[in-house]
N, C-alpha and C. Protein backbone atom coordinates (compact mmCIF):
# COMPACT_ATOMS: atom_id res chain seq x y z
N MET A 1 -0.01 -19.65 -43.94
CA MET A 1 -0.32 -20.73 -43.01
C MET A 1 -0.95 -20.21 -41.73
N GLU A 2 -0.47 -19.09 -41.23
CA GLU A 2 -1.02 -18.51 -40.01
C GLU A 2 -2.51 -18.23 -40.17
N GLU A 3 -2.90 -17.68 -41.33
CA GLU A 3 -4.29 -17.32 -41.54
C GLU A 3 -5.17 -18.56 -41.59
N ASN A 4 -4.73 -19.62 -42.31
CA ASN A 4 -5.53 -20.82 -42.48
C ASN A 4 -5.58 -21.68 -41.22
N LYS A 5 -4.52 -21.59 -40.41
CA LYS A 5 -4.42 -22.45 -39.24
C LYS A 5 -5.58 -22.21 -38.26
N TRP A 6 -6.07 -20.98 -38.19
CA TRP A 6 -7.08 -20.64 -37.18
C TRP A 6 -8.48 -20.50 -37.75
N VAL A 7 -8.69 -20.85 -39.01
CA VAL A 7 -10.03 -20.75 -39.60
C VAL A 7 -10.98 -21.68 -38.85
N GLY A 8 -12.14 -21.15 -38.46
CA GLY A 8 -13.14 -21.95 -37.78
C GLY A 8 -12.97 -22.04 -36.28
N TYR A 9 -11.92 -21.43 -35.74
CA TYR A 9 -11.70 -21.50 -34.31
C TYR A 9 -12.40 -20.36 -33.59
N ARG A 10 -12.82 -20.63 -32.34
CA ARG A 10 -13.50 -19.64 -31.53
C ARG A 10 -12.84 -19.55 -30.16
N PHE A 11 -12.97 -18.37 -29.55
CA PHE A 11 -12.36 -18.09 -28.26
C PHE A 11 -13.27 -18.61 -27.16
N THR A 12 -12.89 -19.73 -26.53
CA THR A 12 -13.71 -20.35 -25.48
C THR A 12 -12.83 -20.69 -24.27
N PRO A 13 -12.27 -19.69 -23.62
CA PRO A 13 -11.32 -19.93 -22.53
C PRO A 13 -12.00 -20.33 -21.22
N THR A 14 -11.27 -21.04 -20.39
CA THR A 14 -11.72 -21.31 -19.03
C THR A 14 -11.42 -20.09 -18.17
N ASP A 15 -11.99 -20.07 -16.98
CA ASP A 15 -11.71 -18.97 -16.05
C ASP A 15 -10.22 -18.92 -15.70
N GLU A 16 -9.62 -20.10 -15.51
CA GLU A 16 -8.21 -20.14 -15.17
C GLU A 16 -7.35 -19.55 -16.28
N LEU A 17 -7.68 -19.85 -17.55
CA LEU A 17 -6.92 -19.29 -18.67
C LEU A 17 -7.04 -17.78 -18.73
N LEU A 18 -8.24 -17.27 -18.50
CA LEU A 18 -8.45 -15.82 -18.57
C LEU A 18 -7.58 -15.09 -17.55
N VAL A 19 -7.46 -15.66 -16.36
CA VAL A 19 -6.69 -15.00 -15.30
C VAL A 19 -5.20 -15.33 -15.39
N CYS A 20 -4.88 -16.63 -15.45
CA CYS A 20 -3.48 -17.06 -15.37
C CYS A 20 -2.72 -16.90 -16.68
N HIS A 21 -3.43 -16.78 -17.77
CA HIS A 21 -2.77 -16.70 -19.07
C HIS A 21 -2.92 -15.29 -19.67
N PHE A 22 -4.15 -14.88 -19.93
CA PHE A 22 -4.37 -13.61 -20.61
C PHE A 22 -4.15 -12.40 -19.70
N LEU A 23 -4.78 -12.40 -18.53
CA LEU A 23 -4.64 -11.26 -17.63
C LEU A 23 -3.23 -11.18 -17.05
N PHE A 24 -2.68 -12.31 -16.69
CA PHE A 24 -1.31 -12.35 -16.14
C PHE A 24 -0.31 -11.82 -17.16
N ASN A 25 -0.41 -12.28 -18.40
CA ASN A 25 0.52 -11.81 -19.44
C ASN A 25 0.29 -10.34 -19.77
N LYS A 26 -0.95 -9.88 -19.68
CA LYS A 26 -1.26 -8.48 -19.99
C LYS A 26 -0.54 -7.54 -19.03
N VAL A 27 -0.60 -7.81 -17.75
CA VAL A 27 0.02 -6.89 -16.78
C VAL A 27 1.54 -6.96 -16.85
N ARG A 28 2.08 -8.00 -17.46
CA ARG A 28 3.53 -8.14 -17.60
C ARG A 28 4.01 -7.84 -19.01
N SER A 29 3.09 -7.36 -19.86
CA SER A 29 3.41 -6.98 -21.25
C SER A 29 4.06 -8.12 -22.02
N LEU A 30 3.55 -9.34 -21.79
CA LEU A 30 4.06 -10.51 -22.49
C LEU A 30 3.15 -10.87 -23.66
N LEU A 31 3.73 -11.40 -24.72
CA LEU A 31 2.94 -11.79 -25.89
C LEU A 31 2.25 -13.12 -25.64
N LEU A 32 1.15 -13.33 -26.37
CA LEU A 32 0.39 -14.57 -26.27
C LEU A 32 0.47 -15.33 -27.59
N PRO A 33 0.61 -16.66 -27.55
CA PRO A 33 0.72 -17.45 -28.77
C PRO A 33 -0.64 -17.70 -29.41
N ASN A 34 -1.28 -16.64 -29.85
CA ASN A 34 -2.62 -16.72 -30.45
C ASN A 34 -2.57 -16.24 -31.89
N PRO A 35 -3.69 -16.31 -32.62
CA PRO A 35 -3.70 -15.79 -34.00
C PRO A 35 -3.19 -14.36 -34.04
N SER A 36 -2.44 -14.03 -35.07
CA SER A 36 -1.85 -12.70 -35.17
C SER A 36 -2.91 -11.60 -35.25
N ASP A 37 -4.12 -11.95 -35.71
CA ASP A 37 -5.17 -10.94 -35.84
C ASP A 37 -6.14 -10.96 -34.67
N PHE A 38 -5.82 -11.71 -33.62
CA PHE A 38 -6.69 -11.76 -32.45
C PHE A 38 -6.21 -10.76 -31.40
N VAL A 39 -7.12 -9.90 -30.96
CA VAL A 39 -6.78 -8.88 -29.97
C VAL A 39 -7.92 -8.75 -28.96
N ILE A 40 -7.57 -8.71 -27.69
CA ILE A 40 -8.53 -8.31 -26.66
C ILE A 40 -8.25 -6.83 -26.40
N PRO A 41 -9.16 -5.94 -26.77
CA PRO A 41 -8.87 -4.51 -26.71
C PRO A 41 -8.93 -3.94 -25.30
N ASP A 42 -8.33 -2.77 -25.13
CA ASP A 42 -8.44 -1.99 -23.90
C ASP A 42 -9.59 -1.00 -24.08
N ILE A 43 -10.64 -1.15 -23.30
CA ILE A 43 -11.82 -0.29 -23.42
C ILE A 43 -12.36 0.01 -22.03
N ASP A 44 -12.77 1.25 -21.81
CA ASP A 44 -13.40 1.62 -20.55
C ASP A 44 -14.88 1.26 -20.63
N VAL A 45 -15.23 0.07 -20.18
CA VAL A 45 -16.61 -0.41 -20.30
C VAL A 45 -17.56 0.38 -19.42
N TYR A 46 -17.03 1.08 -18.42
CA TYR A 46 -17.90 1.83 -17.51
C TYR A 46 -18.19 3.24 -18.02
N ASP A 47 -17.62 3.58 -19.17
CA ASP A 47 -17.84 4.89 -19.76
C ASP A 47 -19.02 4.88 -20.73
N LYS A 48 -19.55 3.67 -21.03
CA LYS A 48 -20.65 3.55 -21.99
C LYS A 48 -21.65 2.51 -21.51
N ALA A 49 -22.86 2.59 -22.05
CA ALA A 49 -23.82 1.52 -21.83
C ALA A 49 -23.34 0.31 -22.63
N PRO A 50 -23.64 -0.91 -22.20
CA PRO A 50 -23.09 -2.10 -22.88
C PRO A 50 -23.46 -2.19 -24.36
N TRP A 51 -24.66 -1.70 -24.74
CA TRP A 51 -25.06 -1.78 -26.14
C TRP A 51 -24.33 -0.76 -27.02
N ASP A 52 -23.63 0.18 -26.40
CA ASP A 52 -22.85 1.15 -27.18
C ASP A 52 -21.38 0.74 -27.32
N LEU A 53 -21.00 -0.34 -26.69
CA LEU A 53 -19.63 -0.83 -26.82
C LEU A 53 -19.45 -1.49 -28.18
N ASP A 54 -18.36 -1.21 -28.81
CA ASP A 54 -18.08 -1.79 -30.13
C ASP A 54 -16.84 -2.68 -30.01
N ILE A 55 -17.07 -3.91 -29.53
CA ILE A 55 -15.99 -4.86 -29.31
C ILE A 55 -16.25 -6.06 -30.22
N ARG A 56 -15.48 -6.19 -31.27
CA ARG A 56 -15.74 -7.24 -32.24
C ARG A 56 -14.49 -8.06 -32.52
N SER A 57 -14.70 -9.31 -32.82
CA SER A 57 -13.63 -10.21 -33.24
C SER A 57 -14.27 -11.42 -33.91
N ALA A 58 -13.65 -11.89 -34.97
CA ALA A 58 -14.14 -13.08 -35.65
C ALA A 58 -14.03 -14.32 -34.76
N TYR A 59 -13.24 -14.22 -33.69
CA TYR A 59 -13.02 -15.37 -32.82
C TYR A 59 -13.98 -15.40 -31.64
N PHE A 60 -14.66 -14.29 -31.35
CA PHE A 60 -15.60 -14.28 -30.24
C PHE A 60 -16.87 -15.03 -30.63
N LEU A 61 -17.50 -15.68 -29.66
CA LEU A 61 -18.80 -16.30 -29.90
C LEU A 61 -19.84 -15.21 -30.12
N ASP A 62 -20.95 -15.56 -30.74
CA ASP A 62 -22.01 -14.59 -31.00
C ASP A 62 -22.50 -13.96 -29.69
N HIS A 63 -22.70 -12.66 -29.71
CA HIS A 63 -23.24 -11.91 -28.58
C HIS A 63 -22.33 -11.96 -27.35
N GLU A 64 -21.04 -12.19 -27.57
CA GLU A 64 -20.10 -12.24 -26.46
C GLU A 64 -18.83 -11.49 -26.84
N SER A 65 -18.26 -10.78 -25.88
CA SER A 65 -17.03 -10.03 -26.16
C SER A 65 -16.17 -9.95 -24.90
N TYR A 66 -14.90 -9.63 -25.11
CA TYR A 66 -13.93 -9.53 -24.03
C TYR A 66 -13.15 -8.23 -24.18
N CYS A 67 -12.74 -7.65 -23.05
CA CYS A 67 -11.90 -6.46 -23.10
C CYS A 67 -11.14 -6.31 -21.79
N PHE A 68 -10.04 -5.58 -21.86
CA PHE A 68 -9.28 -5.22 -20.67
C PHE A 68 -9.70 -3.82 -20.23
N VAL A 69 -9.72 -3.60 -18.92
CA VAL A 69 -10.07 -2.29 -18.37
C VAL A 69 -9.06 -1.94 -17.29
N ARG A 70 -8.43 -0.79 -17.43
CA ARG A 70 -7.50 -0.31 -16.42
C ARG A 70 -8.27 0.61 -15.47
N VAL A 71 -8.26 0.30 -14.18
CA VAL A 71 -9.02 1.07 -13.20
C VAL A 71 -8.13 1.46 -12.04
N CYS A 72 -8.58 2.45 -11.30
CA CYS A 72 -7.86 2.86 -10.09
C CYS A 72 -8.13 1.84 -8.99
N ARG A 73 -7.10 1.48 -8.30
CA ARG A 73 -7.26 0.54 -7.19
C ARG A 73 -7.75 1.30 -5.97
N SER A 74 -8.93 0.95 -5.51
CA SER A 74 -9.52 1.63 -4.37
C SER A 74 -8.79 1.25 -3.10
N LYS A 75 -8.82 2.16 -2.13
CA LYS A 75 -8.24 1.84 -0.84
C LYS A 75 -9.01 0.70 -0.19
N GLU A 76 -10.31 0.62 -0.52
CA GLU A 76 -11.10 -0.51 -0.08
C GLU A 76 -10.87 -1.65 -1.07
N ALA A 77 -11.27 -2.83 -0.70
CA ALA A 77 -11.12 -3.98 -1.61
C ALA A 77 -12.02 -3.75 -2.81
N GLY A 78 -11.43 -3.50 -3.98
CA GLY A 78 -12.20 -3.13 -5.16
C GLY A 78 -13.25 -4.15 -5.54
N GLU A 79 -12.91 -5.43 -5.43
CA GLU A 79 -13.85 -6.44 -5.88
C GLU A 79 -14.99 -6.66 -4.87
N GLU A 80 -14.90 -6.02 -3.71
CA GLU A 80 -15.99 -6.14 -2.74
C GLU A 80 -17.11 -5.15 -3.04
N ARG A 81 -16.85 -4.14 -3.86
CA ARG A 81 -17.90 -3.20 -4.22
C ARG A 81 -18.95 -3.92 -5.05
N SER A 82 -20.23 -3.74 -4.71
CA SER A 82 -21.29 -4.50 -5.37
C SER A 82 -21.89 -3.77 -6.57
N GLU A 83 -21.47 -2.52 -6.82
CA GLU A 83 -22.02 -1.75 -7.94
C GLU A 83 -20.90 -1.10 -8.74
N ARG A 84 -21.16 -0.97 -10.04
CA ARG A 84 -20.24 -0.28 -10.95
C ARG A 84 -21.07 0.70 -11.77
N LYS A 85 -20.92 1.96 -11.52
CA LYS A 85 -21.67 2.97 -12.27
C LYS A 85 -21.16 3.05 -13.70
N ALA A 86 -22.09 3.15 -14.64
CA ALA A 86 -21.76 3.28 -16.04
C ALA A 86 -22.71 4.30 -16.66
N ARG A 87 -22.42 4.70 -17.88
CA ARG A 87 -23.27 5.68 -18.54
C ARG A 87 -24.66 5.08 -18.79
N GLY A 88 -25.68 5.72 -18.25
CA GLY A 88 -27.05 5.26 -18.47
C GLY A 88 -27.53 4.18 -17.54
N GLY A 89 -26.67 3.73 -16.63
CA GLY A 89 -27.12 2.67 -15.75
C GLY A 89 -26.06 2.22 -14.76
N THR A 90 -26.27 1.04 -14.21
CA THR A 90 -25.38 0.52 -13.18
C THR A 90 -25.20 -0.99 -13.36
N TRP A 91 -23.96 -1.44 -13.26
CA TRP A 91 -23.68 -2.87 -13.19
C TRP A 91 -23.79 -3.28 -11.72
N ILE A 92 -24.69 -4.22 -11.42
CA ILE A 92 -24.92 -4.64 -10.04
C ILE A 92 -24.50 -6.10 -9.87
N ALA A 93 -23.73 -6.35 -8.83
CA ALA A 93 -23.22 -7.70 -8.58
C ALA A 93 -24.35 -8.66 -8.23
N LEU A 94 -24.26 -9.87 -8.74
CA LEU A 94 -25.24 -10.91 -8.46
C LEU A 94 -24.74 -11.90 -7.42
N ASP A 95 -23.46 -11.82 -7.08
CA ASP A 95 -22.88 -12.77 -6.14
C ASP A 95 -21.60 -12.20 -5.55
N LYS A 96 -20.97 -12.99 -4.73
CA LYS A 96 -19.68 -12.63 -4.16
C LYS A 96 -18.57 -13.08 -5.11
N PRO A 97 -17.36 -12.52 -4.98
CA PRO A 97 -16.24 -12.98 -5.83
C PRO A 97 -15.95 -14.47 -5.62
N HIS A 98 -15.64 -15.15 -6.73
CA HIS A 98 -15.29 -16.57 -6.68
C HIS A 98 -13.79 -16.71 -6.93
N GLU A 99 -13.11 -17.43 -6.09
CA GLU A 99 -11.67 -17.61 -6.25
C GLU A 99 -11.34 -18.48 -7.46
N ILE A 100 -10.25 -18.15 -8.12
CA ILE A 100 -9.70 -18.94 -9.23
C ILE A 100 -8.31 -19.40 -8.82
N LEU A 101 -8.12 -20.71 -8.79
CA LEU A 101 -6.84 -21.26 -8.36
C LEU A 101 -5.87 -21.40 -9.53
N ARG A 102 -4.60 -21.38 -9.22
CA ARG A 102 -3.59 -21.67 -10.22
C ARG A 102 -3.69 -23.12 -10.65
N ALA A 103 -3.03 -23.47 -11.76
CA ALA A 103 -3.13 -24.82 -12.30
C ALA A 103 -2.67 -25.87 -11.30
N ASP A 104 -1.69 -25.52 -10.44
CA ASP A 104 -1.20 -26.50 -9.47
C ASP A 104 -2.11 -26.59 -8.25
N ARG A 105 -3.16 -25.76 -8.21
CA ARG A 105 -4.17 -25.77 -7.14
C ARG A 105 -3.59 -25.41 -5.77
N ARG A 106 -2.42 -24.82 -5.75
CA ARG A 106 -1.77 -24.52 -4.48
C ARG A 106 -1.95 -23.07 -4.03
N ALA A 107 -2.38 -22.22 -4.92
CA ALA A 107 -2.51 -20.80 -4.56
C ALA A 107 -3.63 -20.16 -5.37
N VAL A 108 -4.17 -19.07 -4.84
CA VAL A 108 -5.22 -18.32 -5.53
C VAL A 108 -4.58 -17.39 -6.55
N ALA A 109 -5.03 -17.48 -7.81
CA ALA A 109 -4.49 -16.63 -8.88
C ALA A 109 -5.31 -15.37 -9.05
N GLY A 110 -6.61 -15.44 -8.73
CA GLY A 110 -7.48 -14.28 -8.92
C GLY A 110 -8.91 -14.63 -8.57
N SER A 111 -9.84 -13.91 -9.18
CA SER A 111 -11.25 -14.14 -8.89
C SER A 111 -12.12 -13.69 -10.05
N TRP A 112 -13.37 -14.17 -10.06
CA TRP A 112 -14.35 -13.68 -11.03
C TRP A 112 -15.65 -13.39 -10.28
N ARG A 113 -16.44 -12.48 -10.86
CA ARG A 113 -17.70 -12.09 -10.24
C ARG A 113 -18.71 -11.72 -11.32
N SER A 114 -19.98 -12.06 -11.10
CA SER A 114 -21.04 -11.81 -12.07
C SER A 114 -21.74 -10.48 -11.80
N PHE A 115 -22.05 -9.74 -12.89
CA PHE A 115 -22.78 -8.48 -12.80
C PHE A 115 -23.91 -8.46 -13.84
N LYS A 116 -24.97 -7.75 -13.52
CA LYS A 116 -26.08 -7.54 -14.44
C LYS A 116 -26.28 -6.04 -14.60
N PHE A 117 -26.59 -5.60 -15.84
CA PHE A 117 -26.74 -4.17 -16.09
C PHE A 117 -28.19 -3.74 -15.90
N PHE A 118 -28.37 -2.67 -15.10
CA PHE A 118 -29.68 -2.08 -14.84
C PHE A 118 -29.70 -0.66 -15.39
N VAL A 119 -30.74 -0.31 -16.13
CA VAL A 119 -30.91 1.04 -16.65
C VAL A 119 -31.47 1.94 -15.56
N ASP A 120 -30.90 3.13 -15.43
CA ASP A 120 -31.39 4.09 -14.44
C ASP A 120 -32.55 4.89 -15.03
N ILE A 121 -33.67 4.93 -14.30
CA ILE A 121 -34.87 5.66 -14.72
C ILE A 121 -35.01 6.91 -13.86
N ASP A 122 -35.18 8.06 -14.51
CA ASP A 122 -35.31 9.33 -13.78
C ASP A 122 -36.76 9.53 -13.36
N ASP A 123 -37.10 8.96 -12.20
CA ASP A 123 -38.46 9.08 -11.68
C ASP A 123 -38.38 9.26 -10.17
N PRO A 124 -38.45 10.53 -9.70
CA PRO A 124 -38.30 10.80 -8.27
C PRO A 124 -39.41 10.21 -7.41
N THR A 125 -40.50 9.76 -8.02
CA THR A 125 -41.60 9.20 -7.23
C THR A 125 -41.33 7.76 -6.81
N LYS A 126 -40.29 7.16 -7.39
CA LYS A 126 -39.99 5.78 -7.07
C LYS A 126 -38.76 5.69 -6.16
N SER A 127 -38.65 4.56 -5.48
CA SER A 127 -37.50 4.34 -4.62
C SER A 127 -36.27 4.13 -5.48
N GLU A 128 -35.09 4.12 -4.85
CA GLU A 128 -33.86 3.92 -5.61
C GLU A 128 -33.89 2.58 -6.34
N GLU A 129 -34.39 1.55 -5.68
CA GLU A 129 -34.48 0.24 -6.33
C GLU A 129 -35.49 0.26 -7.47
N GLY A 130 -36.58 1.01 -7.31
CA GLY A 130 -37.60 1.08 -8.33
C GLY A 130 -37.18 1.87 -9.56
N ARG A 131 -36.13 2.69 -9.41
CA ARG A 131 -35.65 3.48 -10.54
C ARG A 131 -34.62 2.71 -11.38
N ARG A 132 -34.46 1.43 -11.11
CA ARG A 132 -33.54 0.60 -11.86
C ARG A 132 -34.31 -0.51 -12.57
N VAL A 133 -34.10 -0.61 -13.88
CA VAL A 133 -34.78 -1.62 -14.69
C VAL A 133 -33.74 -2.60 -15.23
N ALA A 134 -33.95 -3.88 -14.96
CA ALA A 134 -33.00 -4.90 -15.38
C ALA A 134 -32.98 -5.06 -16.90
N THR A 135 -31.81 -5.33 -17.44
CA THR A 135 -31.65 -5.62 -18.86
C THR A 135 -31.13 -7.05 -19.03
N GLY A 136 -30.92 -7.45 -20.26
CA GLY A 136 -30.38 -8.78 -20.51
C GLY A 136 -28.87 -8.81 -20.60
N TRP A 137 -28.22 -7.69 -20.25
CA TRP A 137 -26.76 -7.61 -20.38
C TRP A 137 -26.09 -8.13 -19.11
N MET A 138 -25.10 -9.01 -19.31
CA MET A 138 -24.37 -9.62 -18.20
C MET A 138 -22.87 -9.40 -18.38
N MET A 139 -22.15 -9.48 -17.27
CA MET A 139 -20.70 -9.29 -17.33
C MET A 139 -20.04 -10.13 -16.24
N HIS A 140 -18.91 -10.71 -16.57
CA HIS A 140 -18.03 -11.32 -15.58
C HIS A 140 -16.78 -10.46 -15.50
N GLU A 141 -16.42 -10.08 -14.30
CA GLU A 141 -15.17 -9.36 -14.05
C GLU A 141 -14.12 -10.35 -13.55
N TYR A 142 -12.96 -10.32 -14.18
CA TYR A 142 -11.85 -11.17 -13.75
C TYR A 142 -10.73 -10.30 -13.20
N ARG A 143 -10.24 -10.68 -12.03
CA ARG A 143 -9.19 -9.91 -11.38
C ARG A 143 -8.03 -10.82 -10.98
N LEU A 144 -6.84 -10.27 -11.05
CA LEU A 144 -5.65 -10.97 -10.55
C LEU A 144 -5.50 -10.75 -9.06
N HIS A 145 -4.99 -11.75 -8.38
CA HIS A 145 -4.62 -11.57 -6.98
C HIS A 145 -3.47 -10.57 -6.93
N PRO A 146 -3.44 -9.66 -5.96
CA PRO A 146 -2.35 -8.66 -5.87
C PRO A 146 -0.95 -9.27 -5.95
N ASN A 147 -0.78 -10.48 -5.44
CA ASN A 147 0.54 -11.11 -5.47
C ASN A 147 0.98 -11.52 -6.86
N MET A 148 0.05 -11.50 -7.83
CA MET A 148 0.38 -11.91 -9.20
C MET A 148 0.89 -10.76 -10.04
N TYR A 149 0.83 -9.54 -9.51
CA TYR A 149 1.31 -8.38 -10.26
C TYR A 149 2.83 -8.26 -10.17
N PRO A 150 3.47 -7.77 -11.23
CA PRO A 150 4.93 -7.57 -11.17
C PRO A 150 5.26 -6.43 -10.21
N PRO A 151 6.45 -6.41 -9.64
CA PRO A 151 6.82 -5.39 -8.66
C PRO A 151 6.73 -3.97 -9.21
N GLN A 152 7.00 -3.80 -10.51
CA GLN A 152 7.03 -2.45 -11.07
C GLN A 152 5.65 -1.91 -11.42
N TYR A 153 4.59 -2.72 -11.26
CA TYR A 153 3.25 -2.25 -11.63
C TYR A 153 2.78 -1.20 -10.62
N LYS A 154 2.08 -0.19 -11.14
CA LYS A 154 1.62 0.91 -10.28
C LYS A 154 0.70 0.37 -9.17
N GLU A 155 0.97 0.78 -7.95
CA GLU A 155 0.20 0.28 -6.82
C GLU A 155 -1.24 0.80 -6.81
N ASP A 156 -1.47 1.96 -7.45
CA ASP A 156 -2.80 2.55 -7.42
C ASP A 156 -3.64 2.16 -8.64
N GLU A 157 -3.16 1.21 -9.44
CA GLU A 157 -3.90 0.76 -10.60
C GLU A 157 -4.02 -0.76 -10.62
N GLU A 158 -5.04 -1.24 -11.29
CA GLU A 158 -5.15 -2.66 -11.54
C GLU A 158 -5.81 -2.88 -12.89
N MET A 159 -5.56 -4.03 -13.48
CA MET A 159 -6.11 -4.39 -14.77
C MET A 159 -7.21 -5.44 -14.58
N ILE A 160 -8.35 -5.20 -15.19
CA ILE A 160 -9.48 -6.12 -15.12
C ILE A 160 -9.77 -6.66 -16.51
N LEU A 161 -10.14 -7.93 -16.58
CA LEU A 161 -10.58 -8.51 -17.84
C LEU A 161 -12.09 -8.72 -17.73
N CYS A 162 -12.84 -8.16 -18.69
CA CYS A 162 -14.29 -8.27 -18.65
C CYS A 162 -14.81 -9.15 -19.78
N ARG A 163 -15.74 -10.01 -19.45
CA ARG A 163 -16.46 -10.83 -20.43
C ARG A 163 -17.90 -10.35 -20.41
N ILE A 164 -18.40 -9.87 -21.55
CA ILE A 164 -19.72 -9.24 -21.62
C ILE A 164 -20.57 -9.97 -22.66
N TRP A 165 -21.81 -10.21 -22.34
CA TRP A 165 -22.71 -10.83 -23.31
C TRP A 165 -24.15 -10.39 -23.06
N GLN A 166 -24.99 -10.61 -24.04
CA GLN A 166 -26.40 -10.25 -23.96
C GLN A 166 -27.24 -11.51 -24.06
N GLY A 167 -28.26 -11.60 -23.22
CA GLY A 167 -29.14 -12.74 -23.27
C GLY A 167 -28.72 -13.81 -22.28
N LYS A 168 -29.60 -14.77 -22.09
CA LYS A 168 -29.35 -15.85 -21.14
C LYS A 168 -28.25 -16.75 -21.67
N GLN A 169 -27.34 -17.10 -20.78
CA GLN A 169 -26.25 -17.99 -21.16
C GLN A 169 -25.94 -18.89 -19.98
N ILE A 170 -25.84 -20.17 -20.26
CA ILE A 170 -25.56 -21.13 -19.20
C ILE A 170 -24.06 -21.14 -18.94
N ARG A 171 -23.70 -20.90 -17.70
CA ARG A 171 -22.29 -20.86 -17.35
C ARG A 171 -21.73 -22.27 -17.30
N GLY A 172 -20.53 -22.43 -17.81
CA GLY A 172 -19.88 -23.73 -17.75
C GLY A 172 -18.57 -23.70 -18.50
N GLN A 173 -17.74 -24.66 -18.24
CA GLN A 173 -16.45 -24.71 -18.91
C GLN A 173 -16.65 -25.20 -20.33
N PRO A 174 -15.94 -24.66 -21.30
CA PRO A 174 -16.09 -25.09 -22.68
C PRO A 174 -15.55 -26.50 -22.88
N GLN A 175 -16.06 -27.18 -23.89
CA GLN A 175 -15.56 -28.50 -24.21
C GLN A 175 -14.22 -28.38 -24.95
N GLN A 176 -13.34 -29.30 -24.66
CA GLN A 176 -12.03 -29.35 -25.30
C GLN A 176 -11.30 -28.00 -25.29
N PRO A 177 -11.13 -27.38 -24.11
CA PRO A 177 -10.40 -26.11 -24.08
C PRO A 177 -8.94 -26.33 -24.45
N SER A 178 -8.40 -25.44 -25.25
CA SER A 178 -6.99 -25.55 -25.64
C SER A 178 -6.14 -24.76 -24.70
N SER A 179 -4.81 -24.92 -24.82
CA SER A 179 -3.90 -24.18 -23.96
C SER A 179 -3.97 -22.69 -24.23
N GLY A 180 -4.45 -22.31 -25.41
CA GLY A 180 -4.55 -20.90 -25.74
C GLY A 180 -5.95 -20.35 -25.63
N GLY A 181 -6.92 -21.19 -25.25
CA GLY A 181 -8.28 -20.72 -25.08
C GLY A 181 -9.13 -20.80 -26.32
N PHE A 182 -8.66 -21.48 -27.38
CA PHE A 182 -9.41 -21.58 -28.63
C PHE A 182 -9.85 -23.01 -28.87
N THR A 183 -11.07 -23.16 -29.42
CA THR A 183 -11.55 -24.48 -29.80
C THR A 183 -11.96 -24.45 -31.25
N GLY A 184 -11.88 -25.60 -31.92
CA GLY A 184 -12.21 -25.69 -33.33
C GLY A 184 -13.68 -25.91 -33.56
N SER A 185 -14.15 -25.54 -34.74
CA SER A 185 -15.56 -25.69 -35.10
C SER A 185 -15.73 -26.82 -36.11
N ARG A 186 -16.75 -27.65 -35.91
CA ARG A 186 -17.07 -28.72 -36.84
C ARG A 186 -18.35 -28.41 -37.61
N THR A 187 -18.86 -27.21 -37.52
CA THR A 187 -20.18 -26.91 -38.05
C THR A 187 -20.15 -26.34 -39.45
N ASP A 188 -18.99 -26.00 -39.99
CA ASP A 188 -18.90 -25.35 -41.28
C ASP A 188 -18.22 -26.27 -42.28
N ASP A 189 -18.94 -26.75 -43.29
CA ASP A 189 -18.39 -27.68 -44.25
C ASP A 189 -17.25 -27.08 -45.04
N ARG A 190 -17.18 -25.76 -45.12
CA ARG A 190 -16.10 -25.12 -45.86
C ARG A 190 -14.76 -25.38 -45.20
N HIS A 191 -14.79 -25.79 -43.93
CA HIS A 191 -13.56 -25.99 -43.19
C HIS A 191 -13.22 -27.46 -43.10
N THR A 192 -13.75 -28.28 -43.99
CA THR A 192 -13.44 -29.71 -43.99
C THR A 192 -11.93 -29.91 -44.09
N GLY A 193 -11.41 -30.78 -43.24
CA GLY A 193 -9.98 -31.03 -43.22
C GLY A 193 -9.25 -30.24 -42.16
N LEU A 194 -9.93 -29.26 -41.55
CA LEU A 194 -9.30 -28.51 -40.47
C LEU A 194 -9.14 -29.41 -39.26
N ASN A 195 -7.98 -29.39 -38.65
CA ASN A 195 -7.75 -30.15 -37.44
C ASN A 195 -8.47 -29.48 -36.30
N THR A 196 -9.59 -30.07 -35.86
CA THR A 196 -10.40 -29.42 -34.83
C THR A 196 -9.97 -29.82 -33.42
N ASN A 197 -8.88 -30.55 -33.28
CA ASN A 197 -8.32 -30.81 -31.97
C ASN A 197 -7.44 -29.64 -31.60
N PRO A 198 -7.88 -28.73 -30.74
CA PRO A 198 -7.12 -27.50 -30.47
C PRO A 198 -5.75 -27.77 -29.87
N ASN A 199 -5.60 -28.92 -29.19
CA ASN A 199 -4.30 -29.20 -28.57
C ASN A 199 -3.26 -29.58 -29.63
N ALA A 200 -3.70 -29.80 -30.88
CA ALA A 200 -2.77 -30.16 -31.91
C ALA A 200 -2.27 -28.95 -32.69
N VAL A 201 -2.84 -27.76 -32.38
CA VAL A 201 -2.42 -26.55 -33.04
C VAL A 201 -1.11 -26.07 -32.46
N ALA A 202 -0.11 -25.95 -33.29
CA ALA A 202 1.21 -25.52 -32.79
C ALA A 202 1.29 -24.01 -32.75
């Protein structure tokens, strides 16, 4: 039943779910009520170019992936840094961090920020800006507010949730988001009879 229950479903979480549900539970080592074969892996995305990352799941949308990254907490505000060095290039921020509120709208749970990957070109005749070539790779970094971490969590570390994709994608909240971040698919006739109302999945 577990295997059939999630056939045709895709991972389409809201920003609030990513921070308040997945990232919050991750730092507290809590289980999530998701398919038994669904995993958001721990991967150092800054150790490789985005096209060399091997992050796959049958539940991820095409050309999109998610992963957790454990990083050192800088003495400076980590999310204020506008660049993230990676192998072969640099992730450069496109905007300032955006606050994510808790469901009750009374407190800030965390933030998200957009990054674009630029390839570094070894050409001393060009300026620093000219030695960077934009790619189609994009990333959203999700961070928890420091107050959301458990007391026993290491003060010099933080956990980040990254959403990475290639190509142009229109940002927006998914339709019919479920409490677990999954939505059903109506596009595959093989799944006729599947309850595509995600809120009805127990």
